[in-house]
């Protein structure tokens, strides 16, 4: 497995991020074209409107299925990193840290974790800035 770093840490699933959304978008456009044609001919409007509604439902469902899974993972990462911080320091995270900063901190090695967490809280670093500041990357291959 390739060593993970800032440049390659994002996970891209071609069938989900590419094919599924391309097909859903094509169905979305096609359903509106079909509905428009049916409105002009005054035939099949019910079927065309049902197809359009179902396509919109598919788009919404695919969006939220990803959003909900990511939110659950974010909560798990926050708990894991808070436990990691507690194991090292005996204290919980600084309350100024945002969810994005905590999620980015999971890539930091134990040696730089504390100093980077403190710096992120004090300087209000963005998630991307935290990731860019990491010198020794700790891979996360389990993120969906």
N, C-alpha and C. Protein backbone atom coordinates (compact mmCIF):
# COMPACT_ATOMS: atom_id res chain seq x y z
N UNK A 1 0.84 -1.17 0.00
CA UNK A 1 0.00 0.00 0.00
C UNK A 1 0.89 1.24 0.00
N UNK A 2 0.52 2.22 -0.80
CA UNK A 2 1.30 3.45 -0.92
C UNK A 2 1.29 4.22 0.40
N UNK A 3 2.44 4.81 0.74
CA UNK A 3 2.54 5.61 1.95
C UNK A 3 1.61 6.81 1.82
N UNK A 4 0.80 7.03 2.83
CA UNK A 4 -0.17 8.11 2.79
C UNK A 4 0.49 9.42 3.21
N UNK A 5 0.11 10.51 2.53
CA UNK A 5 0.59 11.85 2.87
C UNK A 5 -0.48 12.86 2.47
N UNK A 6 -0.16 14.13 2.60
CA UNK A 6 -1.16 15.17 2.29
C UNK A 6 -1.64 15.09 0.85
N UNK A 7 -0.73 14.80 -0.06
CA UNK A 7 -1.06 14.80 -1.48
C UNK A 7 -2.00 13.66 -1.88
N UNK A 8 -1.97 12.54 -1.15
CA UNK A 8 -2.77 11.40 -1.59
C UNK A 8 -3.72 10.85 -0.52
N UNK A 9 -4.03 11.64 0.51
CA UNK A 9 -4.82 11.10 1.62
C UNK A 9 -6.32 11.05 1.34
N UNK A 10 -6.79 11.79 0.37
CA UNK A 10 -8.23 11.79 0.08
C UNK A 10 -8.62 10.48 -0.60
N UNK A 11 -9.75 9.97 -0.22
CA UNK A 11 -10.20 8.71 -0.80
C UNK A 11 -11.22 9.00 -1.89
N UNK A 12 -10.97 8.45 -3.05
CA UNK A 12 -11.84 8.61 -4.20
C UNK A 12 -12.29 7.23 -4.64
N UNK A 13 -13.59 7.00 -4.62
CA UNK A 13 -14.16 5.72 -5.05
C UNK A 13 -14.81 5.96 -6.40
N UNK A 14 -14.17 5.54 -7.49
CA UNK A 14 -14.65 5.86 -8.84
C UNK A 14 -16.11 5.48 -9.10
N UNK A 15 -16.55 4.32 -8.66
CA UNK A 15 -17.93 3.91 -8.92
C UNK A 15 -18.93 4.80 -8.19
N UNK A 16 -18.56 5.31 -7.02
CA UNK A 16 -19.46 6.17 -6.26
C UNK A 16 -19.32 7.62 -6.68
N UNK A 17 -18.12 8.16 -6.57
CA UNK A 17 -17.91 9.58 -6.83
C UNK A 17 -17.98 9.93 -8.30
N UNK A 18 -17.73 8.99 -9.17
CA UNK A 18 -17.74 9.27 -10.60
C UNK A 18 -18.96 8.72 -11.30
N UNK A 19 -19.04 7.40 -11.38
CA UNK A 19 -20.09 6.75 -12.18
C UNK A 19 -21.48 7.02 -11.63
N UNK A 20 -21.69 6.79 -10.33
CA UNK A 20 -23.02 6.99 -9.76
C UNK A 20 -23.52 8.42 -9.97
N UNK A 21 -22.68 9.40 -9.64
CA UNK A 21 -23.15 10.78 -9.77
C UNK A 21 -23.31 11.20 -11.23
N UNK A 22 -22.50 10.66 -12.11
CA UNK A 22 -22.67 10.94 -13.54
C UNK A 22 -24.00 10.36 -14.04
N UNK A 23 -24.29 9.13 -13.64
CA UNK A 23 -25.56 8.51 -14.04
C UNK A 23 -26.76 9.23 -13.43
N UNK A 24 -26.66 9.60 -12.17
CA UNK A 24 -27.75 10.33 -11.54
C UNK A 24 -27.97 11.69 -12.19
N UNK A 25 -26.89 12.36 -12.53
CA UNK A 25 -27.02 13.66 -13.20
C UNK A 25 -27.64 13.50 -14.58
N UNK A 26 -27.21 12.47 -15.32
CA UNK A 26 -27.78 12.21 -16.65
C UNK A 26 -29.27 11.89 -16.53
N UNK A 27 -29.64 11.09 -15.53
CA UNK A 27 -31.06 10.77 -15.31
C UNK A 27 -31.84 12.02 -14.93
N UNK A 28 -31.22 12.87 -14.13
CA UNK A 28 -31.86 14.13 -13.71
C UNK A 28 -32.15 15.02 -14.93
N UNK A 29 -31.17 15.21 -15.78
CA UNK A 29 -31.35 16.03 -16.99
C UNK A 29 -32.36 15.37 -17.91
N UNK A 30 -32.21 14.07 -18.12
CA UNK A 30 -33.12 13.35 -19.00
C UNK A 30 -34.56 13.38 -18.53
N UNK A 31 -34.75 13.29 -17.22
CA UNK A 31 -36.11 13.31 -16.69
C UNK A 31 -36.77 14.67 -16.91
N UNK A 32 -36.01 15.75 -16.81
CA UNK A 32 -36.57 17.07 -17.07
C UNK A 32 -36.86 17.28 -18.55
N UNK A 33 -36.00 16.77 -19.40
CA UNK A 33 -36.26 16.84 -20.85
C UNK A 33 -37.53 16.05 -21.17
N UNK A 34 -37.64 14.86 -20.61
CA UNK A 34 -38.83 14.03 -20.82
C UNK A 34 -40.08 14.73 -20.32
N UNK A 35 -40.01 15.33 -19.14
CA UNK A 35 -41.16 16.05 -18.58
C UNK A 35 -41.54 17.23 -19.47
N UNK A 36 -40.55 17.96 -19.96
CA UNK A 36 -40.82 19.11 -20.84
C UNK A 36 -41.51 18.66 -22.13
N UNK A 37 -41.02 17.57 -22.73
CA UNK A 37 -41.61 17.06 -23.96
C UNK A 37 -43.04 16.59 -23.70
N UNK A 38 -43.25 15.91 -22.60
CA UNK A 38 -44.59 15.41 -22.27
C UNK A 38 -45.57 16.54 -21.98
N UNK A 39 -45.07 17.61 -21.38
CA UNK A 39 -45.96 18.76 -21.13
C UNK A 39 -46.42 19.38 -22.44
N UNK A 40 -45.53 19.42 -23.43
CA UNK A 40 -45.88 19.98 -24.73
C UNK A 40 -46.87 19.12 -25.49
N UNK A 41 -46.78 17.81 -25.32
CA UNK A 41 -47.66 16.88 -26.04
C UNK A 41 -48.90 16.52 -25.24
N UNK A 42 -48.93 16.90 -23.99
CA UNK A 42 -50.04 16.61 -23.08
C UNK A 42 -50.31 15.12 -22.94
N UNK A 43 -49.27 14.30 -23.06
CA UNK A 43 -49.40 12.86 -22.87
C UNK A 43 -48.25 12.37 -21.97
N UNK A 44 -48.55 11.46 -21.11
CA UNK A 44 -47.52 10.87 -20.26
C UNK A 44 -46.97 11.82 -19.22
N UNK A 45 -47.68 12.88 -18.90
CA UNK A 45 -47.20 13.86 -17.93
C UNK A 45 -47.05 13.24 -16.55
N UNK A 46 -48.01 12.39 -16.19
CA UNK A 46 -47.95 11.75 -14.88
C UNK A 46 -46.70 10.89 -14.77
N UNK A 47 -46.43 10.04 -15.74
CA UNK A 47 -45.26 9.17 -15.72
C UNK A 47 -43.97 9.98 -15.74
N UNK A 48 -43.94 11.02 -16.56
CA UNK A 48 -42.73 11.85 -16.66
C UNK A 48 -42.47 12.59 -15.36
N UNK A 49 -43.52 13.08 -14.72
CA UNK A 49 -43.34 13.78 -13.45
C UNK A 49 -42.91 12.81 -12.35
N UNK A 50 -43.42 11.58 -12.39
CA UNK A 50 -42.99 10.56 -11.42
C UNK A 50 -41.51 10.24 -11.60
N UNK A 51 -41.07 10.09 -12.82
CA UNK A 51 -39.66 9.82 -13.10
C UNK A 51 -38.79 10.97 -12.59
N UNK A 52 -39.23 12.19 -12.81
CA UNK A 52 -38.49 13.36 -12.35
C UNK A 52 -38.40 13.38 -10.82
N UNK A 53 -39.51 13.12 -10.15
CA UNK A 53 -39.52 13.10 -8.69
C UNK A 53 -38.61 11.99 -8.17
N UNK A 54 -38.68 10.81 -8.77
CA UNK A 54 -37.83 9.69 -8.34
C UNK A 54 -36.35 9.98 -8.57
N UNK A 55 -36.04 10.66 -9.65
CA UNK A 55 -34.65 11.03 -9.92
C UNK A 55 -34.15 12.02 -8.87
N UNK A 56 -34.98 12.99 -8.54
CA UNK A 56 -34.61 13.95 -7.49
C UNK A 56 -34.43 13.22 -6.16
N UNK A 57 -35.31 12.28 -5.87
CA UNK A 57 -35.18 11.48 -4.64
C UNK A 57 -33.87 10.70 -4.64
N UNK A 58 -33.47 10.15 -5.78
CA UNK A 58 -32.21 9.42 -5.89
C UNK A 58 -31.02 10.31 -5.62
N UNK A 59 -31.05 11.53 -6.15
CA UNK A 59 -29.97 12.49 -5.90
C UNK A 59 -29.88 12.84 -4.42
N UNK A 60 -31.01 13.13 -3.82
CA UNK A 60 -31.04 13.49 -2.40
C UNK A 60 -30.56 12.33 -1.55
N UNK A 61 -31.04 11.12 -1.86
CA UNK A 61 -30.67 9.95 -1.09
C UNK A 61 -29.18 9.65 -1.20
N UNK A 62 -28.62 9.76 -2.39
CA UNK A 62 -27.18 9.48 -2.54
C UNK A 62 -26.34 10.54 -1.83
N UNK A 63 -26.78 11.77 -1.85
CA UNK A 63 -26.06 12.83 -1.14
C UNK A 63 -26.07 12.58 0.36
N UNK A 64 -27.26 12.33 0.92
CA UNK A 64 -27.37 12.16 2.36
C UNK A 64 -26.78 10.85 2.86
N UNK A 65 -26.78 9.81 2.05
CA UNK A 65 -26.16 8.56 2.50
C UNK A 65 -24.67 8.79 2.74
N UNK A 66 -24.05 9.60 1.91
CA UNK A 66 -22.64 9.93 2.09
C UNK A 66 -22.46 10.89 3.27
N UNK A 67 -23.32 11.89 3.36
CA UNK A 67 -23.20 12.89 4.43
C UNK A 67 -23.40 12.26 5.80
N UNK A 68 -24.36 11.36 5.93
CA UNK A 68 -24.61 10.72 7.23
C UNK A 68 -23.44 9.83 7.63
N UNK A 69 -22.93 9.05 6.69
CA UNK A 69 -21.79 8.17 6.99
C UNK A 69 -20.57 8.99 7.40
N UNK A 70 -20.32 10.08 6.72
CA UNK A 70 -19.18 10.93 7.04
C UNK A 70 -19.35 11.57 8.43
N UNK A 71 -20.55 11.98 8.76
CA UNK A 71 -20.81 12.59 10.07
C UNK A 71 -20.55 11.58 11.20
N UNK A 72 -20.96 10.35 11.00
CA UNK A 72 -20.72 9.31 12.01
C UNK A 72 -19.21 9.07 12.15
N UNK A 73 -18.50 9.00 11.04
CA UNK A 73 -17.06 8.81 11.10
C UNK A 73 -16.38 9.98 11.80
N UNK A 74 -16.85 11.19 11.53
CA UNK A 74 -16.27 12.37 12.18
C UNK A 74 -16.43 12.29 13.70
N UNK A 75 -17.59 11.84 14.14
CA UNK A 75 -17.81 11.72 15.59
C UNK A 75 -16.89 10.66 16.19
N UNK A 76 -16.70 9.56 15.47
CA UNK A 76 -15.81 8.50 15.96
C UNK A 76 -14.37 9.00 16.01
N UNK A 77 -13.96 9.73 14.99
CA UNK A 77 -12.60 10.29 14.95
C UNK A 77 -12.40 11.27 16.11
N UNK A 78 -13.41 12.11 16.37
CA UNK A 78 -13.31 13.06 17.48
C UNK A 78 -13.12 12.32 18.80
N UNK A 79 -13.87 11.26 19.00
CA UNK A 79 -13.75 10.49 20.24
C UNK A 79 -12.38 9.81 20.34
N UNK A 80 -11.92 9.23 19.24
CA UNK A 80 -10.61 8.56 19.24
C UNK A 80 -9.48 9.55 19.52
N UNK A 81 -9.52 10.70 18.87
CA UNK A 81 -8.46 11.68 19.04
C UNK A 81 -8.51 12.34 20.42
N UNK A 82 -9.70 12.50 20.96
CA UNK A 82 -9.83 13.02 22.32
C UNK A 82 -9.25 12.02 23.32
N UNK A 83 -9.49 10.75 23.08
CA UNK A 83 -8.91 9.71 23.93
C UNK A 83 -7.39 9.68 23.78
N UNK A 84 -6.92 9.82 22.57
CA UNK A 84 -5.47 9.88 22.32
C UNK A 84 -4.84 11.04 23.08
N UNK A 85 -5.47 12.21 23.02
CA UNK A 85 -5.00 13.40 23.72
C UNK A 85 -5.02 13.16 25.22
N UNK A 86 -6.09 12.55 25.70
CA UNK A 86 -6.22 12.27 27.14
C UNK A 86 -5.14 11.27 27.59
N UNK A 87 -4.86 10.27 26.77
CA UNK A 87 -3.85 9.27 27.13
C UNK A 87 -2.46 9.89 27.22
N UNK A 88 -2.19 10.89 26.39
CA UNK A 88 -0.88 11.54 26.39
C UNK A 88 -0.76 12.58 27.50
N UNK A 89 -1.82 13.36 27.70
CA UNK A 89 -1.74 14.50 28.62
C UNK A 89 -2.53 14.36 29.92
N UNK A 90 -3.52 13.49 29.92
CA UNK A 90 -4.41 13.40 31.08
C UNK A 90 -5.51 14.43 31.05
N UNK A 91 -5.60 15.17 29.95
CA UNK A 91 -6.62 16.21 29.78
C UNK A 91 -7.35 16.00 28.46
N UNK A 92 -8.58 16.50 28.41
CA UNK A 92 -9.32 16.46 27.16
C UNK A 92 -8.84 17.58 26.23
N UNK A 93 -9.28 17.52 24.98
CA UNK A 93 -8.91 18.53 23.99
C UNK A 93 -9.30 19.93 24.45
N UNK A 94 -8.58 20.90 23.95
CA UNK A 94 -8.93 22.31 24.12
C UNK A 94 -10.29 22.52 23.44
N UNK A 95 -11.20 23.17 24.12
CA UNK A 95 -12.55 23.36 23.57
C UNK A 95 -12.58 24.30 22.37
N UNK A 96 -11.49 25.01 22.13
CA UNK A 96 -11.44 25.90 20.97
C UNK A 96 -11.23 25.15 19.66
N UNK A 97 -10.79 23.90 19.74
CA UNK A 97 -10.56 23.12 18.53
C UNK A 97 -11.88 22.80 17.85
N UNK A 98 -11.91 23.00 16.55
CA UNK A 98 -13.11 22.69 15.77
C UNK A 98 -13.08 21.23 15.34
N UNK A 99 -14.22 20.75 14.88
CA UNK A 99 -14.30 19.38 14.39
C UNK A 99 -13.33 19.17 13.24
N UNK A 100 -13.24 20.11 12.34
CA UNK A 100 -12.33 19.98 11.21
C UNK A 100 -10.87 19.89 11.64
N UNK A 101 -10.49 20.69 12.63
CA UNK A 101 -9.12 20.63 13.14
C UNK A 101 -8.83 19.28 13.78
N UNK A 102 -9.78 18.77 14.55
CA UNK A 102 -9.59 17.48 15.21
C UNK A 102 -9.47 16.37 14.17
N UNK A 103 -10.30 16.42 13.16
CA UNK A 103 -10.24 15.41 12.11
C UNK A 103 -8.90 15.46 11.39
N UNK A 104 -8.38 16.65 11.16
CA UNK A 104 -7.08 16.78 10.52
C UNK A 104 -5.95 16.30 11.43
N UNK A 105 -6.09 16.50 12.73
CA UNK A 105 -5.06 16.09 13.68
C UNK A 105 -4.84 14.58 13.74
N UNK A 106 -5.82 13.82 13.26
CA UNK A 106 -5.66 12.36 13.32
C UNK A 106 -4.48 11.89 12.48
N UNK A 107 -4.04 12.71 11.53
CA UNK A 107 -2.91 12.34 10.67
C UNK A 107 -1.56 12.67 11.31
N UNK A 108 -1.55 13.41 12.41
CA UNK A 108 -0.29 13.82 13.05
C UNK A 108 0.28 12.68 13.88
N UNK A 109 1.59 12.54 13.83
CA UNK A 109 2.26 11.54 14.67
C UNK A 109 2.15 11.97 16.13
N UNK A 110 2.37 11.02 17.03
CA UNK A 110 2.29 11.34 18.47
C UNK A 110 3.28 12.42 18.87
N UNK A 111 4.44 12.44 18.21
CA UNK A 111 5.48 13.41 18.55
C UNK A 111 5.04 14.85 18.27
N UNK A 112 4.28 15.07 17.24
CA UNK A 112 3.88 16.44 16.90
C UNK A 112 2.41 16.72 17.21
N UNK A 113 1.69 15.74 17.68
CA UNK A 113 0.26 15.85 17.93
C UNK A 113 -0.07 16.98 18.91
N UNK A 114 0.58 16.99 20.07
CA UNK A 114 0.25 17.99 21.10
C UNK A 114 0.57 19.41 20.67
N UNK A 115 1.76 19.60 20.12
CA UNK A 115 2.15 20.96 19.71
C UNK A 115 1.26 21.45 18.57
N UNK A 116 0.90 20.56 17.67
CA UNK A 116 0.04 20.96 16.56
C UNK A 116 -1.39 21.23 17.03
N UNK A 117 -1.87 20.46 18.00
CA UNK A 117 -3.20 20.71 18.56
C UNK A 117 -3.24 22.07 19.24
N UNK A 118 -2.20 22.38 19.99
CA UNK A 118 -2.13 23.68 20.67
C UNK A 118 -2.06 24.81 19.64
N UNK A 119 -1.23 24.63 18.65
CA UNK A 119 -1.08 25.66 17.61
C UNK A 119 -2.39 25.85 16.84
N UNK A 120 -3.08 24.76 16.53
CA UNK A 120 -4.35 24.84 15.79
C UNK A 120 -5.39 25.62 16.59
N UNK A 121 -5.43 25.39 17.89
CA UNK A 121 -6.40 26.10 18.74
C UNK A 121 -6.05 27.58 18.86
N UNK A 122 -4.77 27.87 19.08
CA UNK A 122 -4.36 29.26 19.29
C UNK A 122 -4.40 30.09 18.02
N UNK A 123 -3.97 29.50 16.90
CA UNK A 123 -3.89 30.25 15.65
C UNK A 123 -5.12 30.08 14.76
N UNK A 124 -6.08 29.27 15.24
CA UNK A 124 -7.31 29.02 14.48
C UNK A 124 -7.00 28.52 13.05
N UNK A 125 -6.10 27.55 12.97
CA UNK A 125 -5.71 26.99 11.68
C UNK A 125 -6.89 26.27 11.04
N UNK A 126 -6.97 26.33 9.73
CA UNK A 126 -8.01 25.59 9.02
C UNK A 126 -7.64 24.11 8.98
N UNK A 127 -8.57 23.29 8.61
CA UNK A 127 -8.33 21.85 8.49
C UNK A 127 -7.17 21.60 7.54
N UNK A 128 -7.15 22.29 6.42
CA UNK A 128 -6.09 22.11 5.43
C UNK A 128 -4.74 22.59 5.96
N UNK A 129 -4.75 23.70 6.70
CA UNK A 129 -3.50 24.20 7.28
C UNK A 129 -2.92 23.23 8.30
N UNK A 130 -3.80 22.59 9.07
CA UNK A 130 -3.33 21.59 10.04
C UNK A 130 -2.68 20.43 9.30
N UNK A 131 -3.33 19.94 8.25
CA UNK A 131 -2.78 18.82 7.48
C UNK A 131 -1.44 19.20 6.84
N UNK A 132 -1.35 20.40 6.33
CA UNK A 132 -0.11 20.85 5.69
C UNK A 132 1.03 21.01 6.69
N UNK A 133 0.69 21.28 7.95
CA UNK A 133 1.71 21.48 8.97
C UNK A 133 2.29 20.16 9.50
N UNK A 134 1.66 19.07 9.18
CA UNK A 134 2.13 17.76 9.68
C UNK A 134 3.40 17.37 8.94
N UNK A 135 4.41 17.02 9.72
CA UNK A 135 5.69 16.60 9.14
C UNK A 135 5.79 15.08 9.03
N UNK A 136 5.35 14.38 10.06
CA UNK A 136 5.36 12.92 10.06
C UNK A 136 3.91 12.44 9.99
N UNK A 137 3.51 11.96 8.83
CA UNK A 137 2.12 11.61 8.55
C UNK A 137 1.77 10.26 9.18
N UNK A 138 0.65 10.20 9.83
CA UNK A 138 0.10 8.96 10.39
C UNK A 138 -1.10 8.58 9.53
N UNK A 139 -0.97 7.50 8.79
CA UNK A 139 -1.98 7.13 7.80
C UNK A 139 -3.30 6.72 8.42
N UNK A 140 -4.39 6.99 7.71
CA UNK A 140 -5.72 6.53 8.07
C UNK A 140 -6.31 5.86 6.83
N UNK A 141 -6.22 4.55 6.76
CA UNK A 141 -6.70 3.80 5.60
C UNK A 141 -8.12 3.29 5.79
N UNK A 142 -8.75 3.61 6.92
CA UNK A 142 -10.06 3.06 7.21
C UNK A 142 -11.19 4.03 6.95
N UNK A 143 -10.89 5.26 6.56
CA UNK A 143 -11.93 6.24 6.29
C UNK A 143 -12.70 5.84 5.04
N UNK A 144 -14.01 5.86 5.14
CA UNK A 144 -14.85 5.48 3.99
C UNK A 144 -15.15 6.68 3.13
